[in-house]
Amino acid sequence: MKIIVCVKQVPDTSGKVAVNPDGTLNRASMAVIINPDDMNAVEEALRLKEKTGAEVIIVTMGPPPAEGMLREIIAMGADRGVLVTAREFGGSDTYATSQILAAAINKIGLKKGDIVFCGRQAIDGDTAQVGPQIAEKLNIPQVSYVAEVKKSRGTLTCKRMLEDGYMTIKVKTPCLLTCVKELNQPRYMNVAGIVDCYSKPLDIYTYETLKDDPLIDKSTIGLAGSPTNILTSFTPPQKGAGMMMEGADKDTCETLAGILAKKHII
């Protein structure tokens, strides 16, 4: 049994957000982190590994420095990593990215009993599209917004989070699940994992590696093959300093009401 987890290295939006004059993100000058929702997907994969003995494979598409992120996740307990990187893949939107990642998963091999995990969405785009698109291109069932996973022979029972409650779905494997933060609490690296992470395998998939897959077509990958493009990006304006008011008596309430009225909020 294999568990394949798709992860993404994203700009740390809690720090400096740099934007180029043309409106695109200047990723080279920004600190990067592992996408938070992807960490929940990694954690769930590692928990299933501990229960079933499955092999956990981490896959990412990005520039060569993304290898460091893969090594971090291997140090948490994953068995191996796959870095998908090539100039031909640069500038891909969600449609093109899902094609490339699906081709990489085909290269790894997906069999009965295998599971693909993704985070719900990435904090740099917030589209929540790549996971479901990968499932469509692999022609496997999918469950999105997963907040609980229980495995039985050949099936998974998932609790899917909705705006007004939950939905319980049973799905056959192989399948793809996208995970929400309520699913679990991600673990940290451990000393033994850090020591061993560079001795575990990490494969590099380039355009040459994947070009024979039917999903890899230069007209539908990379910036030129992406049907959607970002019109502009900008740094969000900083919020002003807040005001703290102590007390819960009538005078405090009247003071608060006076401040809100002065600002024409009420």
Protein backbone atom coordinates (compact mmCIF):
# COMPACT_ATOMS: atom_id res chain seq x y z
CA MET A 1 0.00 0.00 0.00
CA LYS A 2 1.29 3.44 -0.94
CA ILE A 3 0.17 6.81 0.36
CA ILE A 4 1.16 9.68 -1.94
CA VAL A 5 0.99 13.18 -0.47
CA CYS A 6 1.11 16.26 -2.70
CA VAL A 7 2.63 19.28 -0.96
CA LYS A 8 3.52 22.83 -1.99
CA GLN A 9 6.10 25.35 -0.87
CA VAL A 10 4.36 28.72 -0.51
CA PRO A 11 5.34 32.28 0.47
CA ASP A 12 4.98 32.99 4.17
CA THR A 13 2.13 35.46 3.99
CA SER A 14 2.51 36.34 7.68
CA GLY A 15 5.74 38.16 6.82
CA LYS A 16 6.84 40.41 3.97
CA VAL A 17 4.86 40.03 0.75
CA ALA A 18 6.89 41.25 -2.24
CA VAL A 19 5.20 42.15 -5.51
CA ASN A 20 6.98 42.82 -8.81
CA PRO A 21 6.09 45.92 -10.91
CA ASP A 22 4.11 43.68 -13.29
CA GLY A 23 1.87 42.53 -10.43
CA THR A 24 3.34 39.04 -9.99
CA LEU A 25 4.73 37.79 -6.67
CA ASN A 26 8.49 38.15 -6.22
CA ARG A 27 8.90 34.71 -4.66
CA ALA A 28 12.70 34.88 -4.63
CA SER A 29 12.66 37.68 -2.03
CA MET A 30 10.04 36.11 0.24
CA ALA A 31 10.41 33.56 3.02
CA VAL A 32 8.77 30.23 2.17
CA ILE A 33 6.99 27.62 4.28
CA ILE A 34 5.22 24.32 3.74
CA ASN A 35 1.58 25.01 2.91
CA PRO A 36 -0.32 24.60 6.23
CA ASP A 37 -3.19 22.42 4.94
CA ASP A 38 -0.62 20.12 3.29
CA MET A 39 0.91 19.49 6.71
CA ASN A 40 -2.41 18.02 7.86
CA ALA A 41 -2.35 15.74 4.82
CA VAL A 42 1.21 14.66 5.71
CA GLU A 43 0.24 13.98 9.32
CA GLU A 44 -2.74 11.82 8.34
CA ALA A 45 -0.56 9.84 5.92
CA LEU A 46 2.00 9.22 8.69
CA ARG A 47 -0.73 8.10 11.10
CA LEU A 48 -2.03 5.61 8.53
CA LYS A 49 1.54 4.41 7.98
CA GLU A 50 1.87 3.70 11.69
CA LYS A 51 -1.36 1.66 11.61
CA THR A 52 -0.87 -0.19 8.32
CA GLY A 53 2.84 -0.14 7.47
CA ALA A 54 2.15 1.75 4.22
CA GLU A 55 4.88 3.53 2.28
CA VAL A 56 4.52 7.33 2.39
CA ILE A 57 5.77 9.22 -0.68
CA ILE A 58 5.88 13.04 -0.72
CA VAL A 59 5.51 14.80 -4.09
CA THR A 60 6.01 18.48 -4.86
CA MET A 61 6.38 20.59 -7.99
CA GLY A 62 8.73 23.51 -7.67
CA PRO A 63 12.27 24.84 -8.14
CA PRO A 64 15.30 22.76 -7.05
CA PRO A 65 15.50 24.39 -3.55
CA ALA A 66 12.15 22.72 -2.75
CA GLU A 67 14.24 19.61 -2.05
CA GLY A 68 14.85 21.06 1.43
CA MET A 69 11.11 20.99 2.14
CA LEU A 70 10.91 17.35 1.06
CA ARG A 71 13.81 16.47 3.37
CA GLU A 72 11.98 18.14 6.27
CA ILE A 73 8.92 15.98 5.67
CA ILE A 74 11.06 12.86 5.30
CA ALA A 75 12.53 13.76 8.70
CA MET A 76 8.98 13.63 10.10
CA GLY A 77 8.63 10.01 8.98
CA ALA A 78 7.94 9.87 5.23
CA ASP A 79 9.79 7.16 3.28
CA ARG A 80 10.85 9.03 0.16
CA GLY A 81 10.30 12.16 -1.87
CA VAL A 82 9.73 13.15 -5.48
CA LEU A 83 10.64 16.62 -6.75
CA VAL A 84 8.98 17.57 -10.03
CA THR A 85 11.00 20.39 -11.53
CA ALA A 86 11.63 21.77 -15.02
CA ARG A 87 11.59 25.10 -16.80
CA GLU A 88 8.81 23.74 -19.00
CA PHE A 89 6.58 23.51 -15.90
CA GLY A 90 7.17 27.11 -14.73
CA GLY A 91 4.19 29.45 -14.57
CA SER A 92 1.60 26.65 -14.54
CA ASP A 93 -1.87 27.49 -13.26
CA THR A 94 -4.00 24.98 -11.37
CA TYR A 95 -5.10 23.20 -14.56
CA ALA A 96 -1.54 22.71 -15.81
CA THR A 97 -0.17 21.92 -12.33
CA SER A 98 -2.74 19.17 -11.79
CA GLN A 99 -1.80 17.60 -15.13
CA ILE A 100 1.89 17.56 -14.23
CA LEU A 101 1.30 16.17 -10.72
CA ALA A 102 -1.09 13.52 -12.10
CA ALA A 103 1.61 12.48 -14.57
CA ALA A 104 4.10 12.23 -11.70
CA ILE A 105 1.68 10.04 -9.74
CA ASN A 106 1.26 7.85 -12.82
CA LYS A 107 5.05 7.52 -12.93
CA ILE A 108 5.15 6.48 -9.27
CA GLY A 109 2.31 4.05 -9.90
CA LEU A 110 -1.16 3.97 -8.37
CA LYS A 111 -2.69 0.61 -7.50
CA LYS A 112 -5.71 -0.73 -5.66
CA GLY A 113 -5.46 0.16 -2.00
CA ASP A 114 -3.34 3.27 -2.59
CA ILE A 115 -4.35 6.74 -1.37
CA VAL A 116 -3.47 10.24 -2.57
CA PHE A 117 -3.64 13.06 0.00
CA CYS A 118 -3.65 16.80 -0.70
CA GLY A 119 -4.24 19.83 1.48
CA ARG A 120 -7.58 21.59 1.06
CA GLN A 121 -5.98 24.60 -0.63
CA ALA A 122 -2.75 26.61 -0.79
CA ILE A 123 -2.52 29.94 1.04
CA ASP A 124 -0.95 31.71 -1.95
CA GLY A 125 -3.86 31.02 -4.32
CA ASP A 126 -6.77 29.77 -2.16
CA THR A 127 -8.39 28.05 -5.15
CA ALA A 128 -8.84 24.51 -3.70
CA GLN A 129 -8.73 23.28 -7.31
CA VAL A 130 -5.53 21.25 -7.71
CA GLY A 131 -6.52 18.24 -5.57
CA PRO A 132 -9.88 17.62 -7.26
CA GLN A 133 -8.34 18.22 -10.69
CA ILE A 134 -5.65 15.61 -10.00
CA ALA A 135 -8.37 13.09 -9.11
CA GLU A 136 -10.25 13.83 -12.32
CA LYS A 137 -7.12 13.37 -14.43
CA LEU A 138 -6.27 10.11 -12.65
CA ASN A 139 -9.91 9.00 -13.00
CA ILE A 140 -10.20 8.06 -9.33
CA PRO A 141 -12.89 8.98 -6.75
CA GLN A 142 -12.29 11.98 -4.51
CA VAL A 143 -13.52 13.35 -1.21
CA SER A 144 -12.82 17.00 -0.37
CA TYR A 145 -12.76 18.85 2.98
CA VAL A 146 -11.97 15.67 4.93
CA ALA A 147 -12.00 16.10 8.73
CA GLU A 148 -11.76 12.41 9.73
CA VAL A 149 -10.51 9.22 8.07
CA LYS A 150 -11.18 5.61 9.09
CA LYS A 151 -9.73 2.77 7.03
CA SER A 152 -11.21 -0.66 6.53
CA ARG A 153 -10.38 -3.32 3.95
CA GLY A 154 -10.48 -1.70 0.50
CA THR A 155 -12.46 1.37 1.61
CA LEU A 156 -12.13 4.58 3.57
CA THR A 157 -14.89 6.16 5.63
CA CYS A 158 -14.46 9.93 5.63
CA LYS A 159 -16.19 12.68 7.56
CA ARG A 160 -16.49 15.62 5.16
CA MET A 161 -16.80 19.08 6.68
CA LEU A 162 -19.62 21.28 5.37
CA GLU A 163 -20.65 24.83 6.27
CA ASP A 164 -23.55 23.62 8.40
CA GLY A 165 -22.38 20.19 9.56
CA TYR A 166 -20.73 17.00 8.32
CA MET A 167 -21.28 14.38 5.65
CA THR A 168 -20.07 10.78 6.04
CA ILE A 169 -18.82 9.17 2.82
CA LYS A 170 -17.44 5.70 2.15
CA VAL A 171 -15.05 5.58 -0.79
CA LYS A 172 -13.13 2.79 -2.51
CA THR A 173 -9.39 2.94 -3.06
CA PRO A 174 -7.44 4.14 -4.93
CA CYS A 175 -8.87 7.55 -4.14
CA LEU A 176 -7.84 11.14 -3.43
CA LEU A 177 -8.66 13.07 -0.26
CA THR A 178 -8.18 16.78 0.41
CA CYS A 179 -7.64 17.57 4.09
CA VAL A 180 -8.73 20.44 6.35
CA LYS A 181 -6.86 21.67 9.42
CA GLU A 182 -9.48 20.16 11.75
CA LEU A 183 -8.32 16.67 10.70
CA ASN A 184 -5.32 16.52 13.07
CA GLN A 185 -2.38 18.30 14.66
CA PRO A 186 0.80 17.98 12.54
CA ARG A 187 3.90 16.61 14.26
CA TYR A 188 7.41 18.02 14.33
CA MET A 189 10.62 16.52 13.01
CA ASN A 190 12.51 14.30 15.44
CA VAL A 191 16.26 13.93 15.98
CA ALA A 192 16.45 10.43 14.48
CA GLY A 193 14.48 11.58 11.44
CA ILE A 194 16.76 14.57 10.90
CA VAL A 195 19.82 12.32 11.06
CA ASP A 196 18.36 9.82 8.58
CA CYS A 197 16.55 12.14 6.14
CA TYR A 198 19.47 12.49 3.71
CA SER A 199 19.96 8.73 3.52
CA LYS A 200 16.42 8.17 2.21
CA PRO A 201 15.69 8.31 -1.54
CA LEU A 202 14.58 11.46 -3.32
CA ASP A 203 13.83 11.27 -7.04
CA ILE A 204 13.91 14.18 -9.48
CA TYR A 205 11.25 14.14 -12.22
CA THR A 206 12.05 16.52 -15.08
CA TYR A 207 10.22 17.18 -18.31
CA GLU A 208 12.26 14.40 -19.89
CA THR A 209 11.10 12.01 -17.16
CA LEU A 210 7.41 12.71 -17.73
CA LYS A 211 7.18 13.74 -21.38
CA ASP A 212 5.85 10.35 -22.55
CA ASP A 213 2.81 10.54 -20.26
CA PRO A 214 -0.37 11.48 -22.24
CA LEU A 215 -1.02 14.33 -19.78
CA ILE A 216 2.25 16.08 -20.62
CA ASP A 217 1.68 18.28 -23.64
CA LYS A 218 3.61 21.53 -24.10
CA SER A 219 0.43 23.24 -25.25
CA THR A 220 -1.31 22.57 -21.90
CA ILE A 221 1.51 22.96 -19.34
CA GLY A 222 3.62 25.86 -18.13
CA LEU A 223 2.69 29.50 -18.50
CA ALA A 224 1.91 29.22 -22.22
CA GLY A 225 -0.44 26.29 -21.65
CA SER A 226 -2.31 27.76 -18.68
CA PRO A 227 -5.85 28.95 -19.47
CA THR A 228 -5.88 31.30 -16.46
CA ASN A 229 -3.38 34.02 -15.57
CA ILE A 230 -3.08 36.35 -12.59
CA LEU A 231 -4.08 39.87 -13.58
CA THR A 232 -2.37 41.51 -10.61
CA SER A 233 -1.08 40.89 -7.08
CA PHE A 234 -0.70 43.45 -4.33
CA THR A 235 0.39 43.74 -0.72
CA PRO A 236 -2.65 43.96 1.59
CA PRO A 237 -2.84 47.27 3.47
CA GLN A 238 -1.74 47.12 7.09
CA LYS A 239 -4.49 47.27 9.65
CA GLY A 240 -4.45 50.13 12.11
CA ALA A 241 -3.72 49.62 15.80
CA GLY A 242 -6.65 48.36 17.83
CA MET A 243 -8.08 49.87 20.99
CA MET A 244 -8.51 47.91 24.20
CA MET A 245 -11.21 48.93 26.65
CA GLU A 246 -11.40 47.54 30.16
CA GLY A 247 -14.53 47.02 32.17
CA ALA A 248 -18.05 45.81 31.45
CA ASP A 249 -20.09 48.48 33.18
CA LYS A 250 -22.52 51.04 31.78
CA ASP A 251 -19.91 53.79 31.50
CA THR A 252 -17.61 51.61 29.36
CA CYS A 253 -20.50 50.68 27.06
CA GLU A 254 -21.48 54.33 26.67
CA THR A 255 -17.86 55.25 25.89
CA LEU A 256 -17.67 52.50 23.25
CA ALA A 257 -20.97 53.58 21.71
CA GLY A 258 -19.72 57.18 21.57
CA ILE A 259 -16.51 56.13 19.76
CA LEU A 260 -18.44 54.04 17.22
CA ALA A 261 -20.94 56.86 16.63
CA LYS A 262 -18.12 59.35 16.08
CA LYS A 263 -16.64 57.06 13.41
CA HIS A 264 -20.13 56.76 11.82
CA ILE A 265 -20.08 52.97 12.38
CA ILE A 266 -23.38 53.12 14.28
